[in-house]
Each structure stands twice: as C-alpha cells, then as structure tokens.
Protein backbone atom coordinates (compact mmCIF):
# COMPACT_ATOMS: atom_id res chain seq x y z
CA MET A 1 0.03 -0.04 0.00
CA GLY A 2 1.29 3.47 -0.90
CA ASN A 3 2.97 5.88 1.41
CA HIS A 4 1.01 9.09 1.46
CA MET A 5 3.01 11.70 3.17
CA SER A 6 2.67 15.39 2.55
CA THR A 7 5.54 16.99 0.72
CA THR A 8 4.49 20.58 1.48
CA LYS A 9 6.91 22.52 3.70
CA PRO A 10 5.67 24.63 6.61
CA PRO A 11 5.65 28.37 5.90
CA GLU A 12 8.98 30.05 6.68
CA THR A 13 8.96 32.68 9.44
CA SER A 14 11.02 35.84 9.38
CA THR A 15 12.53 37.38 12.50
CA ALA A 16 10.73 40.67 11.92
CA ALA A 17 7.19 39.40 11.44
CA THR A 18 5.38 36.22 10.60
CA THR A 19 3.64 36.35 7.20
CA LEU A 20 0.81 34.15 6.09
CA PRO A 21 1.54 31.72 3.26
CA PRO A 22 -0.01 32.63 -0.10
CA PRO A 23 -3.37 31.12 -0.81
CA PRO A 24 -3.30 27.85 -2.75
CA THR A 25 -3.49 28.22 -6.48
CA LEU A 26 -6.31 26.45 -8.25
CA ASN A 27 -5.27 23.85 -10.66
CA PHE A 28 -7.86 24.01 -13.44
CA ASN A 29 -6.48 20.86 -15.04
CA ASN A 30 -7.40 18.85 -11.86
CA ASN A 31 -10.80 20.52 -11.61
CA LEU A 32 -11.48 19.67 -15.19
CA GLN A 33 -10.41 16.13 -14.65
CA TYR A 34 -12.73 15.86 -11.65
CA THR A 35 -15.61 17.36 -13.66
CA THR A 36 -14.94 14.91 -16.49
CA GLU A 37 -14.80 11.96 -14.08
CA LEU A 38 -17.97 13.08 -12.32
CA ASN A 39 -19.82 13.44 -15.65
CA SER A 40 -18.59 9.98 -16.62
CA TYR A 41 -19.75 8.58 -13.28
CA GLU A 42 -23.23 10.15 -13.63
CA ALA A 43 -23.51 8.67 -17.14
CA ALA A 44 -22.58 5.30 -15.77
CA CYS A 45 -25.20 5.62 -13.09
CA ARG A 46 -27.87 6.32 -15.66
CA LEU A 47 -26.88 3.17 -17.66
CA ASP A 48 -26.31 0.72 -14.80
CA GLU A 49 -29.14 -0.05 -12.32
CA ASP A 50 -26.75 -1.62 -9.74
CA LEU A 51 -24.45 1.43 -9.75
CA GLN A 52 -27.48 3.71 -9.53
CA SER A 53 -28.79 1.78 -6.54
CA PHE A 54 -25.37 1.86 -4.92
CA ASP A 55 -25.09 5.58 -5.52
CA THR A 56 -28.53 6.32 -4.13
CA SER A 57 -27.73 4.30 -1.01
CA LEU A 58 -24.37 6.00 -0.63
CA GLN A 59 -25.96 9.42 -0.96
CA ALA A 60 -28.69 8.65 1.53
CA ARG A 61 -26.16 7.44 4.09
CA THR A 62 -23.87 10.39 3.46
CA ASN A 63 -26.78 12.79 4.00
CA GLN A 64 -27.66 10.95 7.21
CA VAL A 65 -24.13 11.24 8.53
CA ILE A 66 -23.98 14.97 7.56
CA ASN A 67 -27.28 15.69 9.27
CA THR A 68 -26.23 13.77 12.39
CA LEU A 69 -22.94 15.71 12.53
CA GLN A 70 -24.67 19.01 11.78
CA SER A 71 -27.02 18.61 14.75
CA GLY A 72 -23.89 18.03 17.00
CA VAL A 73 -22.23 21.20 15.63
CA GLU A 74 -25.24 23.33 16.56
CA VAL A 75 -24.63 22.52 20.25
CA ARG A 76 -20.80 22.42 19.81
CA ALA A 77 -20.75 18.78 21.03
CA LEU A 78 -21.31 15.39 19.64
CA SER A 79 -23.37 12.94 21.69
CA PHE A 80 -22.48 9.29 22.04
CA ASP A 81 -25.64 8.49 20.09
CA SER A 82 -24.40 10.71 17.21
CA LEU A 83 -21.01 9.05 17.17
CA LYS A 84 -22.60 5.60 17.27
CA GLU A 85 -24.95 6.54 14.33
CA VAL A 86 -22.01 7.93 12.27
CA THR A 87 -19.98 4.78 12.99
CA GLU A 88 -22.82 2.52 12.02
CA CYS A 89 -23.40 4.39 8.74
CA LEU A 90 -19.66 4.18 8.01
CA LEU A 91 -19.71 0.47 8.58
CA GLU A 92 -22.76 -0.06 6.35
CA MET A 93 -21.11 2.01 3.57
CA ASN A 94 -17.93 -0.07 3.90
CA GLN A 95 -19.85 -3.23 3.59
CA GLU A 96 -21.58 -2.00 0.46
CA VAL A 97 -18.23 -1.00 -1.02
CA VAL A 98 -16.61 -4.31 -0.20
CA LYS A 99 -19.55 -6.12 -1.89
CA VAL A 100 -19.01 -4.05 -5.07
CA ILE A 101 -15.20 -4.68 -4.98
CA LEU A 102 -15.78 -8.47 -4.62
CA GLU A 103 -18.33 -8.49 -7.40
CA CYS A 104 -15.94 -6.68 -9.72
CA LYS A 105 -12.67 -8.24 -8.61
CA LYS A 106 -11.75 -9.52 -12.07
CA ASP A 107 -12.13 -6.16 -13.59
CA ILE A 108 -10.16 -4.59 -10.78
CA TRP A 109 -7.28 -6.95 -11.28
CA LYS A 110 -7.20 -6.13 -14.98
CA ASN A 111 -7.24 -2.31 -14.58
CA GLN A 112 -4.29 -0.67 -12.81
CA GLU A 113 -6.25 2.48 -11.99
CA LEU A 114 -9.05 0.57 -10.42
CA PHE A 115 -6.54 -1.60 -8.53
CA GLU A 116 -4.83 1.54 -7.16
CA LEU A 117 -8.22 3.03 -6.22
CA VAL A 118 -9.18 -0.14 -4.33
CA GLU A 119 -5.75 -0.21 -2.72
CA GLU A 120 -6.28 3.44 -1.61
CA TYR A 121 -9.73 2.62 -0.35
CA PHE A 122 -8.35 -0.19 1.90
CA GLU A 123 -5.47 2.08 3.13
CA ASN A 124 -8.11 4.72 4.14
CA SER A 125 -10.27 2.03 5.78
CA LEU A 126 -7.24 1.01 7.95
CA GLN A 127 -6.71 4.65 8.92
CA THR A 128 -10.41 4.94 9.72
CA LEU A 129 -10.21 1.78 11.82
CA ASP A 130 -7.19 3.20 13.73
CA PHE A 131 -9.19 6.41 14.32
CA CYS A 132 -12.15 4.47 15.66
CA THR A 133 -9.92 2.38 17.89
CA ALA A 134 -8.31 5.46 19.37
CA LEU A 135 -11.81 7.07 19.77
CA GLU A 136 -13.04 3.99 21.54
CA LYS A 137 -10.03 4.10 23.98
CA CYS A 138 -10.71 7.83 24.64
CA LEU A 139 -14.42 7.20 25.30
CA LYS A 140 -13.63 4.34 27.70
CA ARG A 141 -11.19 6.55 29.55
CA ALA A 142 -13.74 9.32 29.77
CA ARG A 143 -16.35 6.85 31.05
CA ASP A 144 -13.93 5.49 33.66
CA SER A 145 -13.04 9.06 34.74
CA GLN A 146 -16.70 9.99 34.97
CA LEU A 147 -17.37 6.93 37.18
CA LEU A 148 -14.44 7.91 39.40
CA ILE A 149 -15.77 11.41 39.75
CA LEU A 150 -19.30 10.14 40.51
CA VAL A 151 -17.88 7.84 43.25
CA ALA A 152 -15.81 10.65 44.72
CA LEU A 153 -18.84 12.92 44.78
CA GLN A 154 -20.94 10.21 46.46
CA LEU A 155 -18.24 9.72 49.13
CA PHE A 156 -17.99 13.46 49.59
CA ASP A 157 -21.76 13.73 50.10
CA GLU A 158 -21.73 10.83 52.56
CA GLU A 159 -18.80 12.35 54.44
CA HIS A 160 -20.54 15.72 54.33
CA ASP A 161 -23.68 14.28 55.84
CA LYS A 162 -21.65 12.75 58.66
CA VAL A 163 -19.73 15.97 59.34
CA GLU A 164 -22.76 18.23 59.51
CA GLY A 165 -23.34 17.34 63.12
CA THR A 166 -19.67 16.97 64.14
CA ASN A 167 -18.29 20.46 63.45
CA MET A 168 -16.66 19.58 60.01
CA ARG A 169 -14.08 17.29 61.64
CA GLY A 170 -14.49 14.46 59.07
CA LEU A 171 -14.36 16.70 56.02
CA TRP A 172 -10.59 16.97 56.25
CA ARG A 173 -10.23 13.19 56.05
CA SER A 174 -11.54 12.94 52.48
C-alpha cells in the first residue's frame, strides 16, 4: 500500500514578522479532470441499475451522517448516540463498497487505475479503523473518569452528611 506523506513545507517565518503563506493556487486541469470523471460517473449511473442503486444508497447514508454531525455542531458537542450513528453508517457503507469490490474483482485486477483506487480505499479504511480504535479508547477513559468522579462525589456527600453534626471534623479526612 502506498506511502501518502505530505511534501509541502511549513511556511517560513522571518525574524521581523510572521507572514501568512500565499493562498493555494487552483489547478484548473485537476478541476477539469474531476468534472470529467464526475460526468462519466453520472452517465454510468444512468446506464447501470446496480451502480445507480449503490449511488442512491451512498448518498442517503452520506446525508444521514452529515445531518447527524450537523446537529452536533449546533450545540458544539457530539453525543455518544451521534458518534454511534455515524460509525454505524460508515460500517454499512464499507460493507456495500466491499460487496461491489468483490463482485468486480476480475475487472479490478485487470485495470491498474481501479486496482490503485481499491488499494487506496483499503488504506483509508485501515486509517479509519485506527481512528475508531483510538476514539473507543478515549471514550472508555472518559467513562472511567466519569465513574471515578461520581464515586468521589458520592463519598464526599456521605462524608458531608456525617460531618454536619460533628463540626466539620470528618471533612478533612476525604
């Protein structure tokens, strides 16, 4: 699988003042290529019912994920339910893509561009899995910390109830 490291250098800083890097230049050749590929994809969707069904499903799931994330942005926090829903959608989309890859494996092996695309897909899937694993560890640590805080608060309340009648003597033990 390919090594995908950025080759851009960080902006240089002068001793007198820090200047912002120039805005990125638009590469019209790439934009034209993407437009051409998108038009080709749309034409293929019109001709192939399976591809059209896959595309419709993919768009619906993508919209669901965007709407879920958008509701979290409004309150500047994502709920566990939102994260779970996004993860489930991602898993469903991955399963659909794997089905398509398996159905078209002979074509993929014959076409170097398709093969590289599938290879890139699997590399991105591994990175997504790494992210989800790290997120799971963080969520478990947060849950454990929350439980510790709740236990500490409960002990504090119990100690506080005992101390109320004894001139705050026991408060200093906790």
